[in-house]
Amino acid sequence: MGLSGSLQVGKSGLLAHQTAIQVTGNNLANAATPGYKRRTVELAARPDHRIDRGNFVGTGVEIASVTRQVNEALEARLRSAITAENGSAATQDMLARIEAVQAELSDVDLSTRLGEYFNAWSQLSLNPQDVSLRTLVTQEADNLTNFIRDLRTSYGDLEKQSVDQLATSVKAADDVLARIEQVNQQITTAEAGRGDAAALRDQRDQLLGELAKSLNVSTVEQENGQVNVFVGSTPIVLNGDSRGLELRSEAQPDGSVVYQVVTTDDGTVVDTSQGDLGAQVAFRNGALQDAIDAIDQLAGQLIFQTNRLHSTAQGLDLRNSYTASNRAIDATAALDDAAAELDFVPQHGSFQLHVTSAATGIRSTSTISVDLDGIGGANTSLNDLAASISAVTGVTATVSTDGRLTIAGDTSDTLVSFSDDSSNVLASLGINSFFDGADAFDIAVNDTVLANPRLVAAAQEHLPGDNRAALAIAALADTPQDDLNGLSITDHWRRHVEDVSIELSRARDQREADTVIRENLQSQQAALSGVNADEEAINLIQQQTAYQASARFISVVDELMQTLISLV
């Protein structure tokens, strides 16, 4: 092979170790670069040269490969761990917002307000003719309704924030997909079917990690170096191109709105059961909606059950007229028909209508039937009810153009009252009601009662000093209600608060567990792909020594050539 061949051997050593030094230097330079994967140089002996029969000599060294240290299976597991941790963290954060809004650990909370309200009725039962205690009832009721409306408003604000945050998160995930598409194209161009554009692949891995915070993604690499990205079986990057993500809302029959994440190109629903996007969707459609339903159900039952008892009881003063606080949209439809659109639906039964002369104290009683059994003739409509009441001597009932029933004595001396309503039609229409409204949005104390506490109905059977209605309303605090799954009004709220607390505690525990898993996987990733400055320094010394040895070898060969030339 001669001296010229020896020079080539030395040259190969210089070039190989120069490249190795460059790779090591690049590792050290990127030791703190997020997402950087360590590169290693694989050296291999060049093919031997045959000098004669059966004898071969080496021809030097070459770079076999510059390898990016990455384990795709580990990367996939780490992305799944990131998804789980971000999902549990988002769940914890959002449940904590509900708990903060409810503020049940403070002295100013709904449980306290409910207790004060029912306690006021209990105090009134001890002395039902005390006007100051009646005033206390209306004040505590007003405080309670204001608190419920404020709490419902806070839920509404939280709802808007969650939807805005969800929309922002979907837009951010869509932007990441667009960047993955761009990097896919750059990798294809850079590699041209060969090699490993390591820096671009590091960048893509970073983007996939960012996307994993929102969605549980998996990847499949194509022959051209591009990756397809899937959520479950749904592709969101296909043939290297992003399919886009957007937020879609759908109104439900019960009036609620359900949110879904779909692909932009064809509207395919994307699985959002994991990640912070999944947590946000689940929060909006689940925990937050449950909280809204809980306060609305509580308010609805508080209104209806209180009014059911109050409407058939009497205050210190009887009244000449009543106007319903609730209206039937269609006065010709049966009262239990959906067309009437009553928030509280009456049932088949009847009630007692009492007409009292203020001058003589003489009282007459009539039974008003409410036919809602669906048997025989048509069921009772609001117009039918008005006609039945007007048939009673001394009383006239009218229906306004907006569907409100008014019952009034024919003269100012005529007083009207009610009892024994098995149909609940009085409470459904809001006749002689204590509360107005239908849910947490509009619950309020009836203005007439609020202005005149003497009208607070604490007595039954027109007995002065009777306290049975007050006792019955106070007992609602602990009376099971079918519409609340057999729970009382206060127990219904306590159960909801407990459920939120349990879910929040579970989310905290899950986040801690997910964090441990993610940290362990990141440690494994760092051990494989991370840059260890000490190891790289050792590599640098080894490569420097090898480079110097190659340079010394070339120097020796050069001296030999000079000697040979001088002999010629």
Protein backbone atom coordinates (compact mmCIF):
# COMPACT_ATOMS: atom_id res chain seq x y z
CA MET A 1 0.00 0.00 0.00
CA GLY A 2 2.98 2.25 0.60
CA LEU A 3 3.39 5.56 2.35
CA SER A 4 0.65 7.24 0.33
CA GLY A 5 -1.80 4.63 1.65
CA SER A 6 -0.55 5.29 5.14
CA LEU A 7 -1.31 8.98 4.67
CA GLN A 8 -4.88 8.06 3.72
CA VAL A 9 -5.15 5.98 6.90
CA GLY A 10 -4.03 8.95 8.96
CA LYS A 11 -6.34 11.25 7.06
CA SER A 12 -9.33 8.98 7.76
CA GLY A 13 -8.49 9.08 11.47
CA LEU A 14 -8.29 12.88 11.43
CA LEU A 15 -11.62 13.23 9.62
CA ALA A 16 -13.43 10.60 11.72
CA HIS A 17 -12.29 11.96 15.07
CA GLN A 18 -12.81 15.52 13.91
CA THR A 19 -16.45 14.59 13.21
CA ALA A 20 -16.71 12.83 16.58
CA ILE A 21 -15.33 15.92 18.32
CA GLN A 22 -17.89 18.06 16.46
CA VAL A 23 -20.76 15.77 17.53
CA THR A 24 -19.57 15.79 21.13
CA GLY A 25 -19.25 19.56 21.07
CA ASN A 26 -22.79 19.83 19.70
CA ASN A 27 -24.03 17.63 22.55
CA LEU A 28 -22.33 19.85 25.11
CA ALA A 29 -23.65 23.00 23.45
CA ASN A 30 -27.22 21.65 23.65
CA ALA A 31 -26.96 20.17 27.14
CA ALA A 32 -29.68 22.57 28.37
CA THR A 33 -31.74 22.69 25.17
CA PRO A 34 -35.29 21.44 25.82
CA GLY A 35 -36.14 18.36 23.77
CA TYR A 36 -32.59 17.81 22.51
CA LYS A 37 -31.68 14.16 21.98
CA ARG A 38 -28.02 13.19 22.43
CA ARG A 39 -26.12 12.10 19.30
CA THR A 40 -23.49 9.39 19.31
CA VAL A 41 -20.87 8.58 16.67
CA GLU A 42 -20.34 4.99 15.59
CA LEU A 43 -16.86 4.35 14.12
CA ALA A 44 -16.08 1.41 11.86
CA ALA A 45 -12.91 0.12 10.21
CA ARG A 46 -12.76 0.77 6.50
CA PRO A 47 -12.51 -2.27 4.19
CA ASP A 48 -9.09 -3.96 4.20
CA HIS A 49 -6.70 -3.70 1.28
CA ARG A 50 -5.13 -6.89 -0.09
CA ILE A 51 -1.40 -6.55 -0.48
CA ASP A 52 -0.68 -10.10 -1.63
CA ARG A 53 -2.09 -13.54 -1.51
CA GLY A 54 -3.71 -14.08 1.90
CA ASN A 55 -2.49 -10.79 3.37
CA PHE A 56 -4.58 -7.73 4.04
CA VAL A 57 -3.89 -4.41 5.71
CA GLY A 58 -6.28 -1.90 7.14
CA THR A 59 -7.20 1.29 5.30
CA GLY A 60 -8.28 3.41 8.23
CA VAL A 61 -11.51 4.38 9.96
CA GLU A 62 -14.82 5.84 8.85
CA ILE A 63 -18.05 7.17 10.37
CA ALA A 64 -20.54 4.31 10.35
CA SER A 65 -23.35 6.50 11.67
CA VAL A 66 -24.26 9.50 13.74
CA THR A 67 -27.16 8.17 15.82
CA ARG A 68 -29.86 10.13 17.59
CA GLN A 69 -30.39 8.40 20.93
CA VAL A 70 -34.12 7.89 21.19
CA ASN A 71 -36.46 5.04 22.12
CA GLU A 72 -39.78 5.45 20.35
CA ALA A 73 -41.61 3.13 22.74
CA LEU A 74 -40.34 5.17 25.70
CA GLU A 75 -41.33 8.39 23.95
CA ALA A 76 -44.85 7.03 23.41
CA ARG A 77 -45.15 6.03 27.08
CA LEU A 78 -43.89 9.44 28.16
CA ARG A 79 -46.44 11.21 25.95
CA SER A 80 -49.21 9.10 27.50
CA ALA A 81 -47.93 10.00 30.97
CA ILE A 82 -47.91 13.70 30.04
CA THR A 83 -51.50 13.33 28.82
CA ALA A 84 -52.60 11.70 32.07
CA GLU A 85 -50.83 14.24 34.29
CA ASN A 86 -52.18 17.26 32.45
CA GLY A 87 -55.68 15.78 32.48
CA SER A 88 -55.67 15.17 36.23
CA ALA A 89 -54.07 18.57 36.87
CA ALA A 90 -56.76 20.33 34.82
CA THR A 91 -59.48 18.32 36.59
CA GLN A 92 -58.08 19.28 39.98
CA ASP A 93 -57.85 22.94 39.02
CA MET A 94 -61.41 23.15 37.72
CA LEU A 95 -62.98 21.22 40.59
CA ALA A 96 -61.13 23.55 42.95
CA ARG A 97 -62.88 26.46 41.22
CA ILE A 98 -66.29 24.94 41.99
CA GLU A 99 -65.26 24.38 45.60
CA ALA A 100 -64.03 27.98 45.83
CA VAL A 101 -67.30 29.33 44.40
CA GLN A 102 -69.36 27.27 46.85
CA ALA A 103 -67.12 28.33 49.77
CA GLU A 104 -68.72 25.66 51.95
CA LEU A 105 -65.84 25.82 54.43
CA SER A 106 -66.63 29.43 55.24
CA ASP A 107 -69.35 30.97 57.41
CA VAL A 108 -71.02 32.47 54.35
CA ASP A 109 -72.23 29.49 52.38
CA LEU A 110 -75.47 28.02 51.11
CA SER A 111 -75.72 25.43 53.89
CA THR A 112 -75.59 28.21 56.47
CA ARG A 113 -78.18 30.27 54.58
CA LEU A 114 -80.53 27.30 54.31
CA GLY A 115 -80.16 26.62 58.01
CA GLU A 116 -80.96 30.22 58.89
CA TYR A 117 -83.98 30.23 56.59
CA PHE A 118 -85.55 27.06 58.02
CA ASN A 119 -84.63 28.13 61.55
CA ALA A 120 -86.58 31.37 61.02
CA TRP A 121 -89.70 29.34 60.19
CA SER A 122 -89.07 27.21 63.28
CA GLN A 123 -88.85 30.33 65.44
CA LEU A 124 -92.05 31.65 63.89
CA SER A 125 -93.84 28.43 64.85
CA LEU A 126 -93.16 29.25 68.51
CA ASN A 127 -95.08 32.51 68.26
CA PRO A 128 -96.88 32.68 64.88
CA GLN A 129 -98.62 35.98 65.65
CA ASP A 130 -95.35 37.86 66.24
CA VAL A 131 -94.90 40.24 63.31
CA SER A 132 -91.18 40.66 64.02
CA LEU A 133 -90.67 36.90 63.62
CA ARG A 134 -92.60 37.05 60.35
CA THR A 135 -90.30 39.85 59.24
CA LEU A 136 -87.33 37.65 60.19
CA VAL A 137 -88.72 34.90 57.94
CA THR A 138 -88.98 37.24 54.95
CA GLN A 139 -85.53 38.72 55.59
CA GLU A 140 -83.83 35.31 55.87
CA ALA A 141 -85.71 34.14 52.78
CA ASP A 142 -84.59 37.24 50.90
CA ASN A 143 -80.98 36.67 52.00
CA LEU A 144 -81.22 33.04 50.90
CA THR A 145 -82.66 33.81 47.47
CA ASN A 146 -80.06 36.53 46.87
CA PHE A 147 -77.31 34.08 47.79
CA ILE A 148 -78.72 31.38 45.50
CA ARG A 149 -78.95 33.80 42.57
CA ASP A 150 -75.41 35.02 43.21
CA LEU A 151 -74.14 31.44 43.38
CA ARG A 152 -75.93 30.60 40.14
CA THR A 153 -74.41 33.69 38.52
CA SER A 154 -70.96 32.59 39.71
CA TYR A 155 -71.57 29.20 38.11
CA GLY A 156 -72.56 31.02 34.92
CA ASP A 157 -69.32 33.01 35.02
CA LEU A 158 -67.38 29.79 35.59
CA GLU A 159 -69.26 28.24 32.69
CA LYS A 160 -68.27 31.09 30.38
CA GLN A 161 -64.66 30.92 31.55
CA SER A 162 -64.54 27.17 30.97
CA VAL A 163 -65.95 27.49 27.45
CA ASP A 164 -63.51 30.29 26.62
CA GLN A 165 -60.63 28.25 28.03
CA LEU A 166 -61.79 25.20 26.09
CA ALA A 167 -61.96 27.18 22.85
CA THR A 168 -58.47 28.59 23.50
CA SER A 169 -57.07 25.12 24.22
CA VAL A 170 -58.59 23.67 21.04
CA LYS A 171 -57.13 26.56 19.03
CA ALA A 172 -53.71 25.97 20.63
CA ALA A 173 -53.85 22.25 19.81
CA ASP A 174 -54.85 23.08 16.23
CA ASP A 175 -51.85 25.43 15.95
CA VAL A 176 -49.54 22.64 17.16
CA LEU A 177 -50.95 20.34 14.47
CA ALA A 178 -50.21 22.97 11.83
CA ARG A 179 -46.60 23.21 13.05
CA ILE A 180 -46.26 19.40 13.01
CA GLU A 181 -47.44 19.45 9.40
CA GLN A 182 -44.80 22.07 8.57
CA VAL A 183 -41.99 20.12 10.28
CA ASN A 184 -43.15 16.94 8.52
CA GLN A 185 -42.60 18.65 5.18
CA GLN A 186 -39.21 20.01 6.25
CA ILE A 187 -38.06 16.53 7.33
CA THR A 188 -39.09 15.02 4.01
CA THR A 189 -37.18 17.72 2.12
CA ALA A 190 -34.10 17.54 4.33
CA GLU A 191 -33.76 13.77 4.42
CA ALA A 192 -34.85 13.09 0.83
CA GLY A 193 -35.51 9.49 1.80
CA ARG A 194 -32.10 9.07 3.47
CA GLY A 195 -30.45 10.04 6.74
CA ASP A 196 -31.83 11.51 9.93
CA ALA A 197 -32.57 15.25 10.18
CA ALA A 198 -32.02 15.06 13.91
CA ALA A 199 -32.72 18.69 14.83
CA LEU A 200 -36.03 18.66 12.94
CA ARG A 201 -36.99 15.36 14.53
CA ASP A 202 -36.21 16.80 17.96
CA GLN A 203 -38.45 19.73 17.11
CA ARG A 204 -41.25 17.40 16.04
CA ASP A 205 -40.93 15.36 19.23
CA GLN A 206 -41.25 18.59 21.21
CA LEU A 207 -44.43 19.44 19.33
CA LEU A 208 -45.84 15.96 19.90
CA GLY A 209 -45.11 16.36 23.61
CA GLU A 210 -46.91 19.69 23.56
CA LEU A 211 -49.89 18.10 21.80
CA ALA A 212 -49.88 15.23 24.33
CA LYS A 213 -50.78 17.72 27.07
CA SER A 214 -54.15 18.14 25.36
CA LEU A 215 -54.85 14.75 23.76
CA ASN A 216 -53.72 11.15 24.11
CA VAL A 217 -51.90 10.82 20.78
CA SER A 218 -50.09 7.98 19.05
CA THR A 219 -47.85 8.20 16.00
CA VAL A 220 -46.98 6.09 12.98
CA GLU A 221 -43.90 7.07 10.97
CA GLN A 222 -44.05 6.82 7.19
CA GLU A 223 -41.24 5.80 4.85
CA ASN A 224 -40.63 9.41 3.85
CA GLY A 225 -39.97 10.37 7.48
CA GLN A 226 -43.33 12.03 8.11
CA VAL A 227 -45.55 10.91 10.98
CA ASN A 228 -49.28 10.37 11.09
CA VAL A 229 -50.86 11.31 14.42
CA PHE A 230 -53.89 9.52 15.86
CA VAL A 231 -56.22 10.04 18.80
CA GLY A 232 -57.57 6.56 19.35
CA SER A 233 -58.38 5.42 15.83
CA THR A 234 -59.07 8.92 14.54
CA PRO A 235 -56.25 10.49 12.48
CA ILE A 236 -55.61 14.16 13.17
CA VAL A 237 -52.45 14.26 11.03
CA LEU A 238 -52.80 12.07 7.93
CA ASN A 239 -50.17 11.66 5.22
CA GLY A 240 -48.19 14.32 7.03
CA ASP A 241 -51.02 16.91 6.78
CA SER A 242 -53.07 18.30 9.67
CA ARG A 243 -56.82 17.64 9.57
CA GLY A 244 -57.41 20.52 11.98
CA LEU A 245 -59.35 20.72 15.24
CA GLU A 246 -62.29 22.87 16.25
CA LEU A 247 -64.84 23.13 19.05
CA ARG A 248 -68.46 22.25 18.32
CA SER A 249 -71.47 22.85 20.59
CA GLU A 250 -74.80 21.03 20.46
CA ALA A 251 -77.97 22.11 22.24
CA GLN A 252 -79.72 19.29 24.10
CA PRO A 253 -83.49 18.78 24.52
CA ASP A 254 -83.25 19.81 28.19
CA GLY A 255 -81.75 23.16 27.19
CA SER A 256 -78.17 22.33 28.17
CA VAL A 257 -75.27 22.57 25.74
CA VAL A 258 -72.76 19.78 25.11
CA TYR A 259 -69.31 20.56 23.69
CA GLN A 260 -67.23 18.28 21.47
CA VAL A 261 -63.84 18.53 19.76
CA VAL A 262 -64.06 17.56 16.07
CA THR A 263 -61.75 17.53 13.05
CA THR A 264 -62.07 20.59 10.86
CA ASP A 265 -62.08 18.81 7.52
CA ASP A 266 -65.03 16.45 8.08
CA GLY A 267 -66.38 16.97 11.60
CA THR A 268 -65.26 13.60 13.01
CA VAL A 269 -65.61 13.61 16.79
CA VAL A 270 -62.22 13.32 18.49
CA ASP A 271 -61.87 11.26 21.66
CA THR A 272 -61.29 13.75 24.47
CA SER A 273 -61.46 11.32 27.36
CA GLN A 274 -57.87 12.15 28.36
CA GLY A 275 -55.55 15.15 28.55
CA ASP A 276 -56.40 18.69 29.57
CA LEU A 277 -58.79 19.02 26.63
CA GLY A 278 -60.60 15.94 27.87
CA ALA A 279 -60.64 17.31 31.40
CA GLN A 280 -62.08 20.61 30.20
CA VAL A 281 -64.78 18.94 28.10
CA ALA A 282 -65.63 16.57 30.96
CA PHE A 283 -65.74 19.49 33.40
CA ARG A 284 -68.05 21.56 31.21
CA ASN A 285 -70.33 18.66 30.30
CA GLY A 286 -70.02 16.90 33.65
CA ALA A 287 -68.94 18.42 36.98
CA LEU A 288 -69.94 22.00 36.16
CA GLN A 289 -73.26 20.97 34.66
CA ASP A 290 -73.88 18.78 37.71
CA ALA A 291 -73.24 21.78 39.97
CA ILE A 292 -75.62 23.93 37.93
CA ASP A 293 -78.25 21.17 37.99
CA ALA A 294 -77.79 20.74 41.75
CA ILE A 295 -78.42 24.40 42.57
CA ASP A 296 -81.33 24.60 40.09
CA GLN A 297 -82.93 21.46 41.54
CA LEU A 298 -82.49 22.78 45.07
CA ALA A 299 -84.01 26.14 44.16
CA GLY A 300 -86.86 24.51 42.25
CA GLN A 301 -87.79 22.22 45.13
CA LEU A 302 -87.39 25.02 47.68
CA ILE A 303 -89.80 27.14 45.64
CA PHE A 304 -92.35 24.42 44.93
CA GLN A 305 -92.41 22.68 48.33
CA THR A 306 -92.58 25.96 50.25
CA ASN A 307 -95.32 27.28 47.95
CA ARG A 308 -97.23 24.00 48.16
CA LEU A 309 -97.59 24.49 51.91
CA HIS A 310 -97.85 28.27 51.89
CA SER A 311 -100.57 28.45 49.21
CA THR A 312 -103.07 26.51 51.34
CA ALA A 313 -102.25 28.27 54.61
CA GLN A 314 -103.25 31.65 56.02
CA GLY A 315 -101.46 34.69 57.36
CA LEU A 316 -102.63 37.17 59.96
CA ASP A 317 -104.61 38.93 57.24
CA LEU A 318 -106.68 37.35 54.50
CA ARG A 319 -106.50 38.78 51.00
CA ASN A 320 -109.10 40.00 48.57
CA SER A 321 -107.25 38.97 45.39
CA TYR A 322 -104.37 36.90 44.05
CA THR A 323 -102.50 37.03 40.75
CA ALA A 324 -100.47 34.00 39.72
CA SER A 325 -96.72 34.51 39.56
CA ASN A 326 -96.43 31.75 36.94
CA ARG A 327 -98.17 31.78 33.58
CA ALA A 328 -99.49 29.12 31.25
CA ILE A 329 -98.28 29.81 27.73
CA ASP A 330 -101.37 28.15 26.25
CA ALA A 331 -104.44 28.82 28.43
CA THR A 332 -106.47 26.33 26.39
CA ALA A 333 -104.08 23.42 26.89
CA ALA A 334 -104.40 20.99 29.78
CA LEU A 335 -102.46 22.23 32.78
CA ASP A 336 -100.23 19.15 32.71
CA ASP A 337 -99.65 19.41 28.95
CA ALA A 338 -96.24 20.49 27.66
CA ALA A 339 -98.00 23.24 25.68
CA ALA A 340 -98.89 25.01 28.94
CA GLU A 341 -95.14 25.17 29.73
CA LEU A 342 -95.60 25.28 33.48
CA ASP A 343 -92.34 24.80 35.35
CA PHE A 344 -94.14 22.91 38.10
CA VAL A 345 -96.71 20.49 36.73
CA PRO A 346 -99.96 19.96 38.69
CA GLN A 347 -101.69 16.62 39.07
CA HIS A 348 -105.20 15.23 39.22
CA GLY A 349 -106.97 16.38 42.39
CA SER A 350 -108.81 19.31 43.91
CA PHE A 351 -108.51 22.19 46.37
CA GLN A 352 -110.82 24.03 48.76
CA LEU A 353 -111.75 27.62 47.95
CA HIS A 354 -112.93 29.68 50.94
CA VAL A 355 -114.91 32.91 50.59
CA THR A 356 -115.13 35.00 53.76
CA SER A 357 -117.13 38.13 54.48
CA ALA A 358 -114.88 40.62 56.25
CA ALA A 359 -117.93 42.25 57.84
CA THR A 360 -119.67 39.17 59.23
CA GLY A 361 -116.89 36.58 59.34
CA ILE A 362 -119.17 34.11 57.56
CA ARG A 363 -117.17 31.72 55.44
CA SER A 364 -118.32 29.45 52.62
CA THR A 365 -116.25 26.61 51.18
CA SER A 366 -116.29 25.19 47.66
CA THR A 367 -114.37 22.32 46.14
CA ILE A 368 -112.61 23.11 42.88
CA SER A 369 -111.79 19.99 40.90
CA VAL A 370 -108.69 19.76 38.72
CA ASP A 371 -109.28 16.97 36.22
CA LEU A 372 -105.93 15.73 34.95
CA ASP A 373 -106.50 11.97 34.92
CA GLY A 374 -106.83 11.77 31.13
CA ILE A 375 -110.05 9.80 31.45
CA GLY A 376 -113.36 10.84 29.90
CA GLY A 377 -113.54 14.46 28.80
CA ALA A 378 -110.76 16.93 28.24
CA ASN A 379 -108.36 17.65 31.07
CA THR A 380 -108.59 20.95 32.91
CA SER A 381 -107.00 23.94 31.19
CA LEU A 382 -106.27 27.33 32.74
CA ASN A 383 -109.43 28.70 31.12
CA ASP A 384 -111.43 25.77 32.52
CA LEU A 385 -110.00 26.41 35.98
CA ALA A 386 -110.94 30.08 35.79
CA ALA A 387 -114.49 29.13 34.79
CA SER A 388 -114.81 26.69 37.70
CA ILE A 389 -113.64 29.32 40.18
CA SER A 390 -115.91 31.99 38.73
CA ALA A 391 -118.86 29.67 39.23
CA VAL A 392 -118.40 30.11 42.99
CA THR A 393 -120.59 32.87 44.43
CA GLY A 394 -118.67 36.00 45.37
CA VAL A 395 -115.49 35.18 43.40
CA THR A 396 -114.34 35.96 39.87
CA ALA A 397 -111.34 34.42 38.09
CA THR A 398 -109.82 35.84 34.92
CA VAL A 399 -106.94 34.90 32.64
CA SER A 400 -104.71 37.68 31.31
CA THR A 401 -103.43 37.80 27.77
CA ASP A 402 -100.06 36.52 28.98
CA GLY A 403 -101.61 33.49 30.68
CA ARG A 404 -101.77 34.57 34.32
CA LEU A 405 -104.72 33.64 36.50
CA THR A 406 -106.24 36.26 38.81
CA ILE A 407 -108.69 35.28 41.56
CA ALA A 408 -110.53 38.12 43.31
CA GLY A 409 -113.55 38.68 45.53
CA ASP A 410 -116.43 40.45 43.87
CA THR A 411 -116.35 43.21 46.51
CA SER A 412 -113.65 44.69 48.69
CA ASP A 413 -115.41 43.08 51.66
CA THR A 414 -114.89 39.61 50.16
CA LEU A 415 -111.78 37.72 51.30
CA VAL A 416 -110.42 34.65 49.55
CA SER A 417 -108.27 31.80 50.91
CA PHE A 418 -107.42 28.18 50.09
CA SER A 419 -106.76 24.80 51.71
CA ASP A 420 -106.34 21.08 51.02
CA ASP A 421 -104.82 21.31 47.54
CA SER A 422 -104.19 17.72 46.46
CA SER A 423 -103.59 18.84 42.86
CA ASN A 424 -100.72 21.26 43.69
CA VAL A 425 -102.24 23.57 41.08
CA LEU A 426 -102.00 26.60 43.40
CA ALA A 427 -98.27 26.10 43.90
CA SER A 428 -97.80 25.35 40.18
CA LEU A 429 -99.49 28.60 39.18
CA GLY A 430 -98.01 30.63 42.02
CA ILE A 431 -101.23 31.53 43.82
CA ASN A 432 -100.68 32.75 47.41
CA SER A 433 -97.02 31.84 46.92
CA PHE A 434 -94.12 32.64 49.19
CA PHE A 435 -91.48 32.33 46.48
CA ASP A 436 -91.51 33.44 42.85
CA GLY A 437 -89.43 31.90 40.06
CA ALA A 438 -88.62 28.39 38.90
CA ASP A 439 -84.90 27.83 39.51
CA ALA A 440 -81.71 29.40 40.84
CA PHE A 441 -81.71 32.08 38.15
CA ASP A 442 -84.96 33.78 39.17
CA ILE A 443 -85.82 32.59 42.68
CA ALA A 444 -87.10 35.48 44.82
CA VAL A 445 -89.44 36.15 47.71
CA ASN A 446 -92.91 37.16 46.49
CA ASP A 447 -93.00 40.96 46.46
CA THR A 448 -96.43 41.13 48.11
CA VAL A 449 -95.32 38.96 51.04
CA LEU A 450 -91.96 40.74 51.30
CA ALA A 451 -93.75 44.09 51.57
CA ASN A 452 -96.28 42.84 54.14
CA PRO A 453 -94.99 40.12 56.50
CA ARG A 454 -98.49 39.78 57.98
CA LEU A 455 -99.30 37.78 54.84
CA VAL A 456 -96.73 35.10 55.71
CA ALA A 457 -98.99 32.05 55.90
CA ALA A 458 -98.11 30.15 59.09
CA ALA A 459 -101.59 28.87 60.04
CA GLN A 460 -103.98 26.22 58.76
CA GLU A 461 -107.78 25.94 58.92
CA HIS A 462 -108.10 29.71 59.59
CA LEU A 463 -107.20 29.23 63.26
CA PRO A 464 -105.63 32.29 64.94
CA GLY A 465 -102.29 31.38 66.49
CA ASP A 466 -102.05 28.12 64.57
CA ASN A 467 -98.48 27.17 63.63
CA ARG A 468 -98.86 23.99 61.56
CA ALA A 469 -97.90 25.56 58.23
CA ALA A 470 -94.79 27.14 59.78
CA LEU A 471 -93.82 23.80 61.31
CA ALA A 472 -94.38 22.01 58.00
CA ILE A 473 -92.21 24.48 56.09
CA ALA A 474 -89.47 24.30 58.75
CA ALA A 475 -89.61 20.50 58.45
CA LEU A 476 -88.79 20.73 54.72
CA ALA A 477 -85.15 21.00 55.78
CA ASP A 478 -85.20 17.28 56.60
CA THR A 479 -88.14 15.97 54.57
CA PRO A 480 -87.17 13.54 51.78
CA GLN A 481 -88.30 14.65 48.32
CA ASP A 482 -88.93 12.27 45.45
CA ASP A 483 -87.61 14.81 42.93
CA LEU A 484 -84.32 14.93 44.86
CA ASN A 485 -83.84 11.14 44.78
CA GLY A 486 -85.29 10.73 48.23
CA LEU A 487 -83.06 13.37 49.84
CA SER A 488 -84.20 16.43 51.72
CA ILE A 489 -83.38 19.90 50.43
CA THR A 490 -80.47 20.33 52.84
CA ASP A 491 -79.21 16.75 52.38
CA HIS A 492 -79.38 17.20 48.60
CA TRP A 493 -76.99 20.13 48.84
CA ARG A 494 -74.73 18.42 51.36
CA ARG A 495 -74.49 15.40 49.07
CA HIS A 496 -73.50 17.60 46.16
CA VAL A 497 -70.84 19.40 48.23
CA GLU A 498 -69.51 16.05 49.45
CA ASP A 499 -69.40 14.71 45.90
CA VAL A 500 -67.35 17.71 44.74
CA SER A 501 -65.00 17.33 47.70
CA ILE A 502 -64.53 13.60 47.03
CA GLU A 503 -63.90 14.17 43.34
CA LEU A 504 -61.41 16.93 44.13
CA SER A 505 -59.55 14.71 46.59
CA ARG A 506 -59.49 11.91 44.03
CA ALA A 507 -58.16 14.33 41.39
CA ARG A 508 -55.37 15.47 43.74
CA ASP A 509 -54.34 11.87 44.44
CA GLN A 510 -54.48 11.01 40.74
CA ARG A 511 -52.37 14.02 39.84
CA GLU A 512 -49.71 13.03 42.37
CA ALA A 513 -49.64 9.48 41.01
CA ASP A 514 -49.50 10.70 37.40
CA THR A 515 -46.69 13.11 38.26
CA VAL A 516 -44.61 10.30 39.76
CA ILE A 517 -45.08 8.18 36.64
CA ARG A 518 -44.20 11.07 34.33
CA GLU A 519 -41.08 11.94 36.35
CA ASN A 520 -39.90 8.32 36.30
CA LEU A 521 -40.33 8.11 32.54
CA GLN A 522 -38.56 11.43 32.07
CA SER A 523 -35.68 10.09 34.16
CA GLN A 524 -35.48 7.09 31.84
CA GLN A 525 -35.60 9.38 28.84
CA ALA A 526 -32.85 11.58 30.29
CA ALA A 527 -30.66 8.53 30.94
CA LEU A 528 -30.99 7.47 27.32
CA SER A 529 -31.35 10.70 25.39
CA GLY A 530 -30.08 13.40 27.72
CA VAL A 531 -26.62 14.95 27.65
CA ASN A 532 -24.33 14.11 30.58
CA ALA A 533 -21.58 16.73 30.62
CA ASP A 534 -19.14 14.44 32.46
CA GLU A 535 -19.58 11.61 29.96
CA GLU A 536 -19.22 14.00 27.04
CA ALA A 537 -16.05 15.45 28.55
CA ILE A 538 -14.56 11.96 28.76
CA ASN A 539 -15.60 11.31 25.16
CA LEU A 540 -14.01 14.59 24.14
CA ILE A 541 -10.70 13.65 25.76
CA GLN A 542 -10.74 10.24 24.08
CA GLN A 543 -11.51 11.73 20.69
CA GLN A 544 -8.91 14.45 21.16
CA THR A 545 -6.30 11.85 22.02
CA ALA A 546 -7.25 9.77 18.98
CA TYR A 547 -7.13 12.87 16.79
CA GLN A 548 -3.66 13.75 18.13
CA ALA A 549 -2.50 10.17 17.52
CA SER A 550 -3.69 10.34 13.91
CA ALA A 551 -1.95 13.67 13.48
CA ARG A 552 1.26 12.21 14.97
CA PHE A 553 0.95 9.22 12.61
CA ILE A 554 0.69 11.51 9.62
CA SER A 555 3.71 13.46 10.88
CA VAL A 556 5.75 10.26 11.08
CA VAL A 557 4.69 9.20 7.58
CA ASP A 558 5.61 12.64 6.32
CA GLU A 559 9.08 12.36 7.87
CA LEU A 560 9.55 9.00 6.20
CA MET A 561 8.51 10.42 2.84
CA GLN A 562 10.92 13.31 3.27
CA THR A 563 13.70 10.88 4.09
CA LEU A 564 12.82 8.79 1.05
CA ILE A 565 12.82 11.82 -1.21
CA SER A 566 16.20 12.93 0.10
CA LEU A 567 17.68 9.57 -0.88
CA VAL A 568 16.61 9.90 -4.49
